[in-house]
């Protein structure tokens, strides 16, 4: 049985989610100790427990330690089940992270699958639905992955209650991934989504974005969200290049000025635009697992984050894949995955 230490690397939930995915695919059982040891509240929170329970259901696994607050988990997988799956986190915990824990296994399932997930769709510290739909999944299509995503209802923090549906086809013909150039900038746009808060908040955010990134009025749009369980705000900035779209997201918080929310997003967008690498920080660690499970690939990004380095280490513990990362300039790194 593979022994994993939750204190390694970023010390959060990523090790758990990646281990669940790889265990289902390889059939390798694992024991994970010191779960989320580097977080303020260690152990399994509701969203992590749901991921364990969902993985167990999809993979007919036996599990020990699946309880709120648990810092130890033993997971023994069985055969992966295709078909209809429904999971609700019960809080505003991120359903996009839950999706990423289940997707690799469903790509190896014997038939098509449909995932119905309920929880948070637009959270801080997690990819939003828009990031999956506009950035992550289009890059996976380049290597033959066929997934359709639907946003049925928005789930802002802290109310949650959002609903996403994913239709997943088995991955039949993996392709090689090569993304070392982003190409020319073709479009910039911004959307300020809001529910249960004044329209003026969205207007103020978009004004800051317009000034900071020279995005004209026609490409800046407020979006009133009517199908949300609770109030919330998400500012989205799209940077569309020839070979990839990057999406910058800032989530509004109570007591945080709209101008501050927008300025932080503008600065992140400027950082990407000034950077020559096509793959942003968050996409980098999300690409690693699909590439390791397929035919591999190479891409350029910024200096690998702690999340990326943790993902590399966890993947290698299960698969032994050769993953090379090296600086090719002061700000650009190249990462190559060879299964």
Protein backbone atom coordinates (compact mmCIF):
# COMPACT_ATOMS: atom_id res chain seq x y z
CA UNK A 1 0.00 0.00 0.00
CA UNK A 2 1.29 3.44 -0.95
CA UNK A 3 2.05 5.67 2.04
CA UNK A 4 1.44 9.40 1.53
CA UNK A 5 2.19 12.29 3.88
CA UNK A 6 -0.29 15.18 3.84
CA UNK A 7 2.37 17.52 5.26
CA UNK A 8 4.33 17.45 2.01
CA UNK A 9 4.36 20.38 -0.37
CA UNK A 10 1.40 22.72 -0.14
CA UNK A 11 -0.05 20.55 2.63
CA UNK A 12 -3.70 21.05 1.65
CA UNK A 13 -6.44 19.17 -0.14
CA UNK A 14 -4.66 18.82 -3.47
CA UNK A 15 -2.68 15.76 -2.38
CA UNK A 16 -5.92 14.06 -1.35
CA UNK A 17 -7.77 14.82 -4.62
CA UNK A 18 -4.86 13.72 -6.80
CA UNK A 19 -4.35 10.56 -4.76
CA UNK A 20 -8.03 9.64 -5.09
CA UNK A 21 -7.93 10.11 -8.87
CA UNK A 22 -4.74 8.12 -9.35
CA UNK A 23 -5.79 5.36 -6.99
CA UNK A 24 -8.97 4.80 -8.99
CA UNK A 25 -7.04 4.68 -12.27
CA UNK A 26 -4.10 2.54 -11.18
CA UNK A 27 -5.93 0.30 -8.72
CA UNK A 28 -3.26 1.19 -6.15
CA UNK A 29 -4.59 1.52 -2.57
CA UNK A 30 -3.10 4.24 -0.42
CA UNK A 31 -2.91 5.52 3.12
CA UNK A 32 -2.77 9.29 3.61
CA UNK A 33 -1.68 10.66 6.98
CA UNK A 34 -1.60 14.20 8.36
CA UNK A 35 -4.38 15.29 5.99
CA UNK A 36 -4.32 19.06 5.34
CA UNK A 37 -1.75 19.42 8.10
CA UNK A 38 -0.65 22.87 6.91
CA UNK A 39 -4.14 24.37 7.04
CA UNK A 40 -5.64 26.37 9.91
CA UNK A 41 -8.20 23.60 10.43
CA UNK A 42 -6.48 20.29 9.58
CA UNK A 43 -8.32 17.18 8.53
CA UNK A 44 -11.22 16.50 6.20
CA UNK A 45 -13.70 19.33 5.78
CA UNK A 46 -17.07 18.80 4.13
CA UNK A 47 -15.82 19.33 0.56
CA UNK A 48 -12.89 16.93 1.07
CA UNK A 49 -15.12 14.31 2.68
CA UNK A 50 -17.52 14.60 -0.26
CA UNK A 51 -14.60 14.03 -2.64
CA UNK A 52 -13.67 10.85 -0.75
CA UNK A 53 -17.26 9.61 -0.74
CA UNK A 54 -17.74 10.44 -4.41
CA UNK A 55 -14.51 8.71 -5.43
CA UNK A 56 -15.53 5.67 -3.38
CA UNK A 57 -18.89 5.56 -5.13
CA UNK A 58 -17.43 5.98 -8.62
CA UNK A 59 -14.73 3.39 -7.93
CA UNK A 60 -16.59 0.99 -5.60
CA UNK A 61 -13.84 1.56 -3.07
CA UNK A 62 -13.58 0.59 0.57
CA UNK A 63 -12.54 3.45 2.83
CA UNK A 64 -11.38 3.85 6.40
CA UNK A 65 -11.26 7.26 8.08
CA UNK A 66 -13.95 8.96 5.98
CA UNK A 67 -15.29 11.35 8.63
CA UNK A 68 -15.29 15.08 9.19
CA UNK A 69 -12.04 16.19 10.81
CA UNK A 70 -10.26 12.93 10.10
CA UNK A 71 -6.51 13.28 9.54
CA UNK A 72 -5.96 9.66 8.41
CA UNK A 73 -7.49 7.91 5.40
CA UNK A 74 -7.10 4.48 3.83
CA UNK A 75 -8.56 4.03 0.35
CA UNK A 76 -8.83 0.71 -1.54
CA UNK A 77 -10.30 1.16 -5.04
CA UNK A 78 -12.44 -1.18 -7.09
CA UNK A 79 -13.62 -1.03 -10.72
CA UNK A 80 -14.66 2.36 -12.08
CA UNK A 81 -18.37 2.80 -12.77
CA UNK A 82 -19.70 4.74 -15.74
CA UNK A 83 -23.21 6.21 -15.76
CA UNK A 84 -25.13 8.85 -13.81
CA UNK A 85 -23.55 10.21 -10.63
CA UNK A 86 -24.97 12.84 -8.24
CA UNK A 87 -23.03 14.43 -5.38
CA UNK A 88 -23.84 17.43 -3.19
CA UNK A 89 -21.25 18.99 -0.90
CA UNK A 90 -23.88 20.54 1.35
CA UNK A 91 -21.84 23.73 1.82
CA UNK A 92 -20.28 26.30 -0.52
CA UNK A 93 -17.25 24.02 -0.93
CA UNK A 94 -15.93 24.01 -4.49
CA UNK A 95 -17.63 21.61 -6.90
CA UNK A 96 -15.02 22.39 -9.54
CA UNK A 97 -12.34 20.82 -7.34
CA UNK A 98 -14.64 17.84 -6.79
CA UNK A 99 -15.02 17.54 -10.56
CA UNK A 100 -11.26 17.55 -11.07
CA UNK A 101 -10.88 14.73 -8.55
CA UNK A 102 -13.40 12.56 -10.43
CA UNK A 103 -12.67 13.43 -14.06
CA UNK A 104 -9.53 11.31 -14.60
CA UNK A 105 -11.29 8.15 -13.45
CA UNK A 106 -14.39 8.81 -15.56
CA UNK A 107 -12.18 9.27 -18.62
CA UNK A 108 -11.12 5.64 -18.07
CA UNK A 109 -14.66 4.38 -17.38
CA UNK A 110 -16.14 1.71 -19.68
CA UNK A 111 -18.83 4.10 -20.98
CA UNK A 112 -20.13 7.68 -20.91
CA UNK A 113 -20.84 9.34 -17.58
CA UNK A 114 -22.85 12.32 -16.37
CA UNK A 115 -21.89 14.15 -13.18
CA UNK A 116 -24.45 16.27 -11.32
CA UNK A 117 -22.63 18.32 -8.68
CA UNK A 118 -24.00 20.79 -6.14
CA UNK A 119 -22.05 23.30 -4.03
CA UNK A 120 -19.89 26.35 -4.70
CA UNK A 121 -19.30 27.29 -8.34
CA UNK A 122 -17.51 30.63 -7.86
CA UNK A 123 -15.20 30.42 -4.85
CA UNK A 124 -11.99 32.09 -3.80
CA UNK A 125 -8.95 29.76 -3.91
CA UNK A 126 -10.56 27.41 -6.46
CA UNK A 127 -11.14 27.40 -10.21
CA UNK A 128 -14.52 28.84 -11.16
CA UNK A 129 -16.91 27.16 -13.55
CA UNK A 130 -15.90 29.74 -16.16
CA UNK A 131 -12.24 28.77 -15.83
CA UNK A 132 -13.08 25.13 -16.45
CA UNK A 133 -15.35 25.91 -19.40
CA UNK A 134 -13.15 28.51 -21.11
CA UNK A 135 -9.58 27.52 -20.18
CA UNK A 136 -9.14 24.00 -18.78
CA UNK A 137 -11.54 21.93 -20.89
CA UNK A 138 -10.58 23.58 -24.23
CA UNK A 139 -6.94 22.64 -23.55
CA UNK A 140 -7.97 19.06 -22.78
CA UNK A 141 -9.79 18.90 -26.11
CA UNK A 142 -6.40 19.37 -27.75
CA UNK A 143 -5.44 15.93 -26.45
CA UNK A 144 -8.72 14.18 -27.27
CA UNK A 145 -10.74 14.66 -24.08
CA UNK A 146 -14.49 15.08 -24.70
CA UNK A 147 -16.28 16.77 -21.79
CA UNK A 148 -19.30 19.11 -21.96
CA UNK A 149 -19.98 21.42 -19.01
CA UNK A 150 -23.24 23.11 -18.00
CA UNK A 151 -23.84 25.79 -15.39
CA UNK A 152 -27.39 25.17 -14.16
CA UNK A 153 -27.22 27.65 -11.28
CA UNK A 154 -24.58 29.82 -9.63
CA UNK A 155 -23.24 29.02 -6.17
CA UNK A 156 -21.49 31.95 -4.53
CA UNK A 157 -19.68 31.70 -1.21
CA UNK A 158 -20.99 31.34 1.53
CA UNK A 159 -24.47 30.14 0.46
CA UNK A 160 -23.37 27.62 -2.17
CA UNK A 161 -26.20 25.67 -3.75
CA UNK A 162 -24.86 26.02 -7.30
CA UNK A 163 -25.42 23.21 -9.77
CA UNK A 164 -23.03 22.01 -12.47
CA UNK A 165 -23.48 19.14 -14.91
CA UNK A 166 -20.62 17.45 -16.78
CA UNK A 167 -21.01 14.95 -19.61
CA UNK A 168 -17.86 12.82 -19.86
CA UNK A 169 -16.97 10.51 -22.73
CA UNK A 170 -14.31 7.79 -22.33
CA UNK A 171 -10.87 8.98 -23.47
CA UNK A 172 -10.23 6.80 -26.50
CA UNK A 173 -7.34 8.42 -28.39
CA UNK A 174 -5.04 10.54 -26.19
CA UNK A 175 -2.98 13.07 -28.11
CA UNK A 176 0.37 14.71 -27.41
CA UNK A 177 0.20 18.22 -25.93
CA UNK A 178 2.52 20.99 -27.11
CA UNK A 179 1.91 24.60 -26.06
CA UNK A 180 5.02 26.75 -25.99
CA UNK A 181 3.61 29.90 -27.63
CA UNK A 182 0.38 31.73 -26.84
CA UNK A 183 0.18 33.59 -30.15
CA UNK A 184 -1.14 37.12 -30.64
CA UNK A 185 -3.68 38.77 -28.35
CA UNK A 186 -7.02 38.72 -30.16
CA UNK A 187 -9.56 39.87 -27.59
CA UNK A 188 -9.98 41.17 -24.04
CA UNK A 189 -13.29 41.17 -22.20
CA UNK A 190 -14.63 41.60 -18.67
CA UNK A 191 -17.81 40.48 -16.92
CA UNK A 192 -18.86 41.52 -13.42
CA UNK A 193 -21.41 38.97 -12.20
CA UNK A 194 -23.47 39.90 -9.16
CA UNK A 195 -26.45 38.66 -7.16
CA UNK A 196 -28.16 40.30 -4.20
CA UNK A 197 -25.82 43.31 -4.14
CA UNK A 198 -26.09 46.78 -5.73
CA UNK A 199 -25.63 47.15 -9.49
CA UNK A 200 -23.17 49.94 -8.74
CA UNK A 201 -20.65 47.40 -7.43
CA UNK A 202 -20.39 45.80 -10.87
CA UNK A 203 -20.18 49.22 -12.54
CA UNK A 204 -17.31 50.33 -10.30
CA UNK A 205 -15.39 47.09 -10.89
CA UNK A 206 -15.75 47.39 -14.65
CA UNK A 207 -14.64 51.02 -14.64
CA UNK A 208 -11.39 50.04 -12.90
CA UNK A 209 -10.83 47.19 -15.35
CA UNK A 210 -11.53 49.43 -18.32
CA UNK A 211 -8.97 51.99 -17.21
CA UNK A 212 -6.37 49.47 -16.12
CA UNK A 213 -6.44 47.23 -19.20
CA UNK A 214 -7.84 49.56 -21.89
CA UNK A 215 -10.93 47.41 -22.36
CA UNK A 216 -13.64 49.43 -24.10
CA UNK A 217 -17.27 49.72 -22.93
CA UNK A 218 -18.54 47.22 -25.52
CA UNK A 219 -16.35 44.47 -24.02
CA UNK A 220 -17.27 45.22 -20.38
CA UNK A 221 -20.57 43.78 -19.21
CA UNK A 222 -22.40 43.60 -15.86
CA UNK A 223 -24.26 40.31 -15.38
CA UNK A 224 -27.20 40.10 -12.99
CA UNK A 225 -27.38 36.51 -11.71
CA UNK A 226 -30.97 35.54 -10.93
CA UNK A 227 -30.55 31.82 -10.18
CA UNK A 228 -28.29 32.05 -7.13
CA UNK A 229 -29.17 30.84 -3.65
CA UNK A 230 -27.35 33.74 -2.00
CA UNK A 231 -25.63 37.04 -2.74
CA UNK A 232 -22.23 37.18 -4.38
CA UNK A 233 -19.91 38.81 -6.87
CA UNK A 234 -17.37 37.46 -9.36
CA UNK A 235 -15.27 39.61 -11.65
CA UNK A 236 -14.03 37.76 -14.73
CA UNK A 237 -11.39 39.02 -17.18
CA UNK A 238 -10.76 37.08 -20.39
CA UNK A 239 -7.48 37.35 -22.30
CA UNK A 240 -7.97 35.55 -25.61
CA UNK A 241 -4.82 34.65 -27.52
CA UNK A 242 -4.36 32.68 -30.71
CA UNK A 243 -3.66 29.36 -28.96
CA UNK A 244 -5.14 29.80 -25.47
CA UNK A 245 -7.50 31.88 -23.39
CA UNK A 246 -6.52 32.91 -19.88
CA UNK A 247 -9.23 33.82 -17.38
CA UNK A 248 -8.54 36.03 -14.38
CA UNK A 249 -11.09 35.84 -11.57
CA UNK A 250 -11.58 37.97 -8.48
CA UNK A 251 -14.30 37.08 -5.97
CA UNK A 252 -15.93 39.94 -4.10
CA UNK A 253 -15.92 39.80 -0.31
CA UNK A 254 -17.99 41.53 2.33
CA UNK A 255 -16.15 44.63 3.51
CA UNK A 256 -13.82 44.70 0.49
CA UNK A 257 -14.22 47.67 -1.84
CA UNK A 258 -15.18 46.99 -5.45
CA UNK A 259 -12.19 49.02 -6.57
CA UNK A 260 -9.82 46.81 -4.60
CA UNK A 261 -11.35 43.63 -6.01
CA UNK A 262 -10.97 44.98 -9.53
CA UNK A 263 -7.46 46.35 -9.04
CA UNK A 264 -6.20 42.98 -7.82
CA UNK A 265 -7.66 41.35 -10.94
CA UNK A 266 -6.12 44.01 -13.17
CA UNK A 267 -2.68 43.48 -11.66
CA UNK A 268 -2.94 39.72 -12.14
CA UNK A 269 -4.01 40.22 -15.77
CA UNK A 270 -1.11 42.62 -16.38
CA UNK A 271 1.28 40.06 -14.94
CA UNK A 272 0.05 37.47 -17.42
CA UNK A 273 0.16 39.88 -20.37
CA UNK A 274 3.71 40.93 -19.54
CA UNK A 275 4.67 37.28 -19.32
CA UNK A 276 5.56 35.39 -22.53
CA UNK A 277 4.46 31.95 -21.35
CA UNK A 278 1.03 30.73 -22.52
CA UNK A 279 0.06 28.62 -19.50
CA UNK A 280 -0.92 30.50 -16.37
CA UNK A 281 -0.07 29.49 -12.82
CA UNK A 282 -3.34 27.70 -12.07
CA UNK A 283 -3.67 25.86 -15.36
CA UNK A 284 -0.10 24.55 -15.03
CA UNK A 285 -0.77 22.20 -12.12
CA UNK A 286 -4.15 21.17 -13.58
CA UNK A 287 -2.61 20.03 -16.87
CA UNK A 288 -0.03 17.74 -15.29
CA UNK A 289 -2.31 14.84 -14.39
CA UNK A 290 -4.06 14.53 -17.80
CA UNK A 291 -0.71 14.69 -19.57
CA UNK A 292 0.77 12.01 -17.30
CA UNK A 293 -2.23 9.75 -18.01
CA UNK A 294 -2.12 10.31 -21.77
CA UNK A 295 0.77 10.57 -24.21
CA UNK A 296 2.52 13.36 -22.34
CA UNK A 297 3.38 16.81 -23.54
CA UNK A 298 5.30 20.02 -23.06
CA UNK A 299 4.23 23.54 -22.17
CA UNK A 300 5.69 26.82 -20.98
CA UNK A 301 4.59 28.65 -17.86
CA UNK A 302 5.99 30.80 -15.06
CA UNK A 303 8.14 29.54 -12.20
CA UNK A 304 6.36 26.43 -10.85
CA UNK A 305 4.18 27.23 -7.83
CA UNK A 306 4.17 25.15 -4.66
CA UNK A 307 0.90 23.62 -5.91
CA UNK A 308 2.57 22.59 -9.15
CA UNK A 309 5.57 21.09 -7.38
CA UNK A 310 3.26 19.19 -5.02
CA UNK A 311 1.27 17.86 -7.96
CA UNK A 312 4.44 16.65 -9.67
CA UNK A 313 5.56 14.81 -6.53
CA UNK A 314 2.18 13.12 -5.99
CA UNK A 315 1.91 12.01 -9.62
CA UNK A 316 5.39 10.52 -9.52
CA UNK A 317 4.60 8.56 -6.38
CA UNK A 318 1.78 6.75 -8.22
CA UNK A 319 2.98 6.66 -11.82
CA UNK A 320 6.71 7.22 -11.81
CA UNK A 321 6.25 9.58 -14.75
CA UNK A 322 9.26 11.60 -15.85
CA UNK A 323 8.40 15.27 -15.36
CA UNK A 324 11.05 17.81 -16.28
CA UNK A 325 10.83 21.46 -15.28
CA UNK A 326 13.55 23.96 -16.14
CA UNK A 327 13.93 27.70 -16.56
CA UNK A 328 14.49 28.81 -20.14
CA UNK A 329 14.58 32.52 -19.30
CA UNK A 330 14.31 34.75 -16.26
CA UNK A 331 10.52 34.42 -16.08
CA UNK A 332 9.60 31.45 -18.28
CA UNK A 333 9.85 27.76 -17.43
CA UNK A 334 9.28 24.71 -19.59
CA UNK A 335 7.60 21.64 -18.16
CA UNK A 336 7.68 18.33 -20.02
CA UNK A 337 5.71 15.24 -19.01
CA UNK A 338 6.80 11.81 -20.25
CA UNK A 339 4.55 8.96 -19.02
